[in-house]
Amino acid sequence: MNKNNTALVAIIRRGLEIVLADGSFERLFQHTFGEEIRALHFEKRVIIELDNPLVPPGLEHALTTPWLQPLH
């Protein structure tokens, strides 16, 4: 899309916010990729969190919001 099309950006952003909030994105994601993700055995892995002082202000939440939460 054209980065200057702010109306379209707003529509897409709102749609993404809705599907994230109501859980439909997570359900579709798990339906599509859940079996493969569970086969990776994330529960047996160690997560190492690193601070990044170069993250621009206002972006911290986007980087700390987990995009992948495997169901056990």
C-alpha atoms as a PDB file:
ATOM      1  CA  MET A   1       0.000   0.000   0.000  1.00  0.00           C
ATOM      2  CA  ASN A   2       1.071   3.584  -0.431  1.00  0.00           C
ATOM      3  CA  LYS A   3       2.594   4.840   2.828  1.00  0.00           C
ATOM      4  CA  ASN A   4       0.823   8.150   2.275  1.00  0.00           C
ATOM      5  CA  ASN A   5      -2.616   6.502   2.248  1.00  0.00           C
ATOM      6  CA  THR A   6      -3.311   7.220   5.907  1.00  0.00           C
ATOM      7  CA  ALA A   7      -6.971   6.200   5.624  1.00  0.00           C
ATOM      8  CA  LEU A   8      -6.015   2.700   4.488  1.00  0.00           C
ATOM      9  CA  VAL A   9      -3.336   2.476   7.171  1.00  0.00           C
ATOM     10  CA  ALA A  10      -5.956   3.364   9.807  1.00  0.00           C
ATOM     11  CA  ILE A  11      -8.409   0.746   8.486  1.00  0.00           C
ATOM     12  CA  ILE A  12      -5.786  -2.016   8.472  1.00  0.00           C
ATOM     13  CA  ARG A  13      -4.487  -1.047  11.911  1.00  0.00           C
ATOM     14  CA  ARG A  14      -8.009  -1.061  13.359  1.00  0.00           C
ATOM     15  CA  GLY A  15      -8.740  -4.450  11.824  1.00  0.00           C
ATOM     16  CA  LEU A  16      -5.559  -5.907  13.296  1.00  0.00           C
ATOM     17  CA  GLU A  17      -6.364  -4.438  16.708  1.00  0.00           C
ATOM     18  CA  ILE A  18      -9.830  -6.025  16.586  1.00  0.00           C
ATOM     19  CA  VAL A  19      -8.654  -9.533  15.653  1.00  0.00           C
ATOM     20  CA  LEU A  20      -5.900  -9.397  18.264  1.00  0.00           C
ATOM     21  CA  ALA A  21      -8.311  -8.199  20.974  1.00  0.00           C
ATOM     22  CA  ASP A  22     -11.098 -10.701  20.291  1.00  0.00           C
ATOM     23  CA  GLY A  23      -8.745 -13.687  20.025  1.00  0.00           C
ATOM     24  CA  SER A  24      -9.641 -14.599  16.443  1.00  0.00           C
ATOM     25  CA  PHE A  25      -6.061 -14.004  15.239  1.00  0.00           C
ATOM     26  CA  GLU A  26      -4.698 -16.359  17.911  1.00  0.00           C
ATOM     27  CA  ARG A  27      -7.278 -19.033  17.040  1.00  0.00           C
ATOM     28  CA  LEU A  28      -6.475 -18.844  13.334  1.00  0.00           C
ATOM     29  CA  PHE A  29      -2.735 -18.804  14.010  1.00  0.00           C
ATOM     30  CA  GLN A  30      -2.949 -21.840  16.300  1.00  0.00           C
ATOM     31  CA  HIS A  31      -5.206 -23.678  13.850  1.00  0.00           C
ATOM     32  CA  THR A  32      -2.747 -23.031  11.036  1.00  0.00           C
ATOM     33  CA  PHE A  33       0.610 -23.403  12.814  1.00  0.00           C
ATOM     34  CA  GLY A  34      -0.129 -24.849  16.269  1.00  0.00           C
ATOM     35  CA  GLU A  35       0.916 -28.432  15.570  1.00  0.00           C
ATOM     36  CA  GLU A  36       4.242 -27.374  14.077  1.00  0.00           C
ATOM     37  CA  ILE A  37       4.906 -24.952  16.931  1.00  0.00           C
ATOM     38  CA  ARG A  38       4.127 -27.553  19.606  1.00  0.00           C
ATOM     39  CA  ALA A  39       6.567 -29.916  17.866  1.00  0.00           C
ATOM     40  CA  LEU A  40       9.334 -27.366  18.586  1.00  0.00           C
ATOM     41  CA  HIS A  41       8.920 -27.947  22.357  1.00  0.00           C
ATOM     42  CA  PHE A  42       9.225 -24.314  23.379  1.00  0.00           C
ATOM     43  CA  GLU A  43       8.444 -25.283  26.976  1.00  0.00           C
ATOM     44  CA  LYS A  44      11.874 -26.958  27.155  1.00  0.00           C
ATOM     45  CA  ARG A  45      13.780 -23.925  25.855  1.00  0.00           C
ATOM     46  CA  VAL A  46      15.461 -21.161  27.810  1.00  0.00           C
ATOM     47  CA  ILE A  47      14.413 -17.583  27.065  1.00  0.00           C
ATOM     48  CA  ILE A  48      17.104 -14.961  27.456  1.00  0.00           C
ATOM     49  CA  GLU A  49      15.774 -11.401  27.638  1.00  0.00           C
ATOM     50  CA  LEU A  50      18.093  -8.616  26.578  1.00  0.00           C
ATOM     51  CA  ASP A  51      17.638  -4.889  27.108  1.00  0.00           C
ATOM     52  CA  ASN A  52      18.091  -2.755  24.014  1.00  0.00           C
ATOM     53  CA  PRO A  53      18.777   0.922  24.729  1.00  0.00           C
ATOM     54  CA  LEU A  54      18.399   1.686  21.010  1.00  0.00           C
ATOM     55  CA  VAL A  55      14.661   0.940  20.891  1.00  0.00           C
ATOM     56  CA  PRO A  56      12.878   4.174  19.923  1.00  0.00           C
ATOM     57  CA  PRO A  57      10.518   5.661  22.526  1.00  0.00           C
ATOM     58  CA  GLY A  58       6.975   4.381  22.109  1.00  0.00           C
ATOM     59  CA  LEU A  59       8.024   1.106  20.499  1.00  0.00           C
ATOM     60  CA  GLU A  60       8.800  -0.724  23.746  1.00  0.00           C
ATOM     61  CA  HIS A  61       5.291  -2.192  24.058  1.00  0.00           C
ATOM     62  CA  ALA A  62       5.309  -3.583  20.516  1.00  0.00           C
ATOM     63  CA  LEU A  63       8.569  -5.375  21.214  1.00  0.00           C
ATOM     64  CA  THR A  64       7.492  -6.788  24.580  1.00  0.00           C
ATOM     65  CA  THR A  65       4.103  -8.021  23.408  1.00  0.00           C
ATOM     66  CA  PRO A  66       4.595 -11.691  22.602  1.00  0.00           C
ATOM     67  CA  TRP A  67       3.531 -12.573  19.082  1.00  0.00           C
ATOM     68  CA  LEU A  68       3.999 -16.263  19.639  1.00  0.00           C
ATOM     69  CA  GLN A  69       2.573 -17.930  22.714  1.00  0.00           C
ATOM     70  CA  PRO A  70       2.542 -21.677  22.119  1.00  0.00           C
ATOM     71  CA  LEU A  71      -0.385 -23.461  23.732  1.00  0.00           C
ATOM     72  CA  HIS A  72       0.599 -26.347  25.973  1.00  0.00           C
END
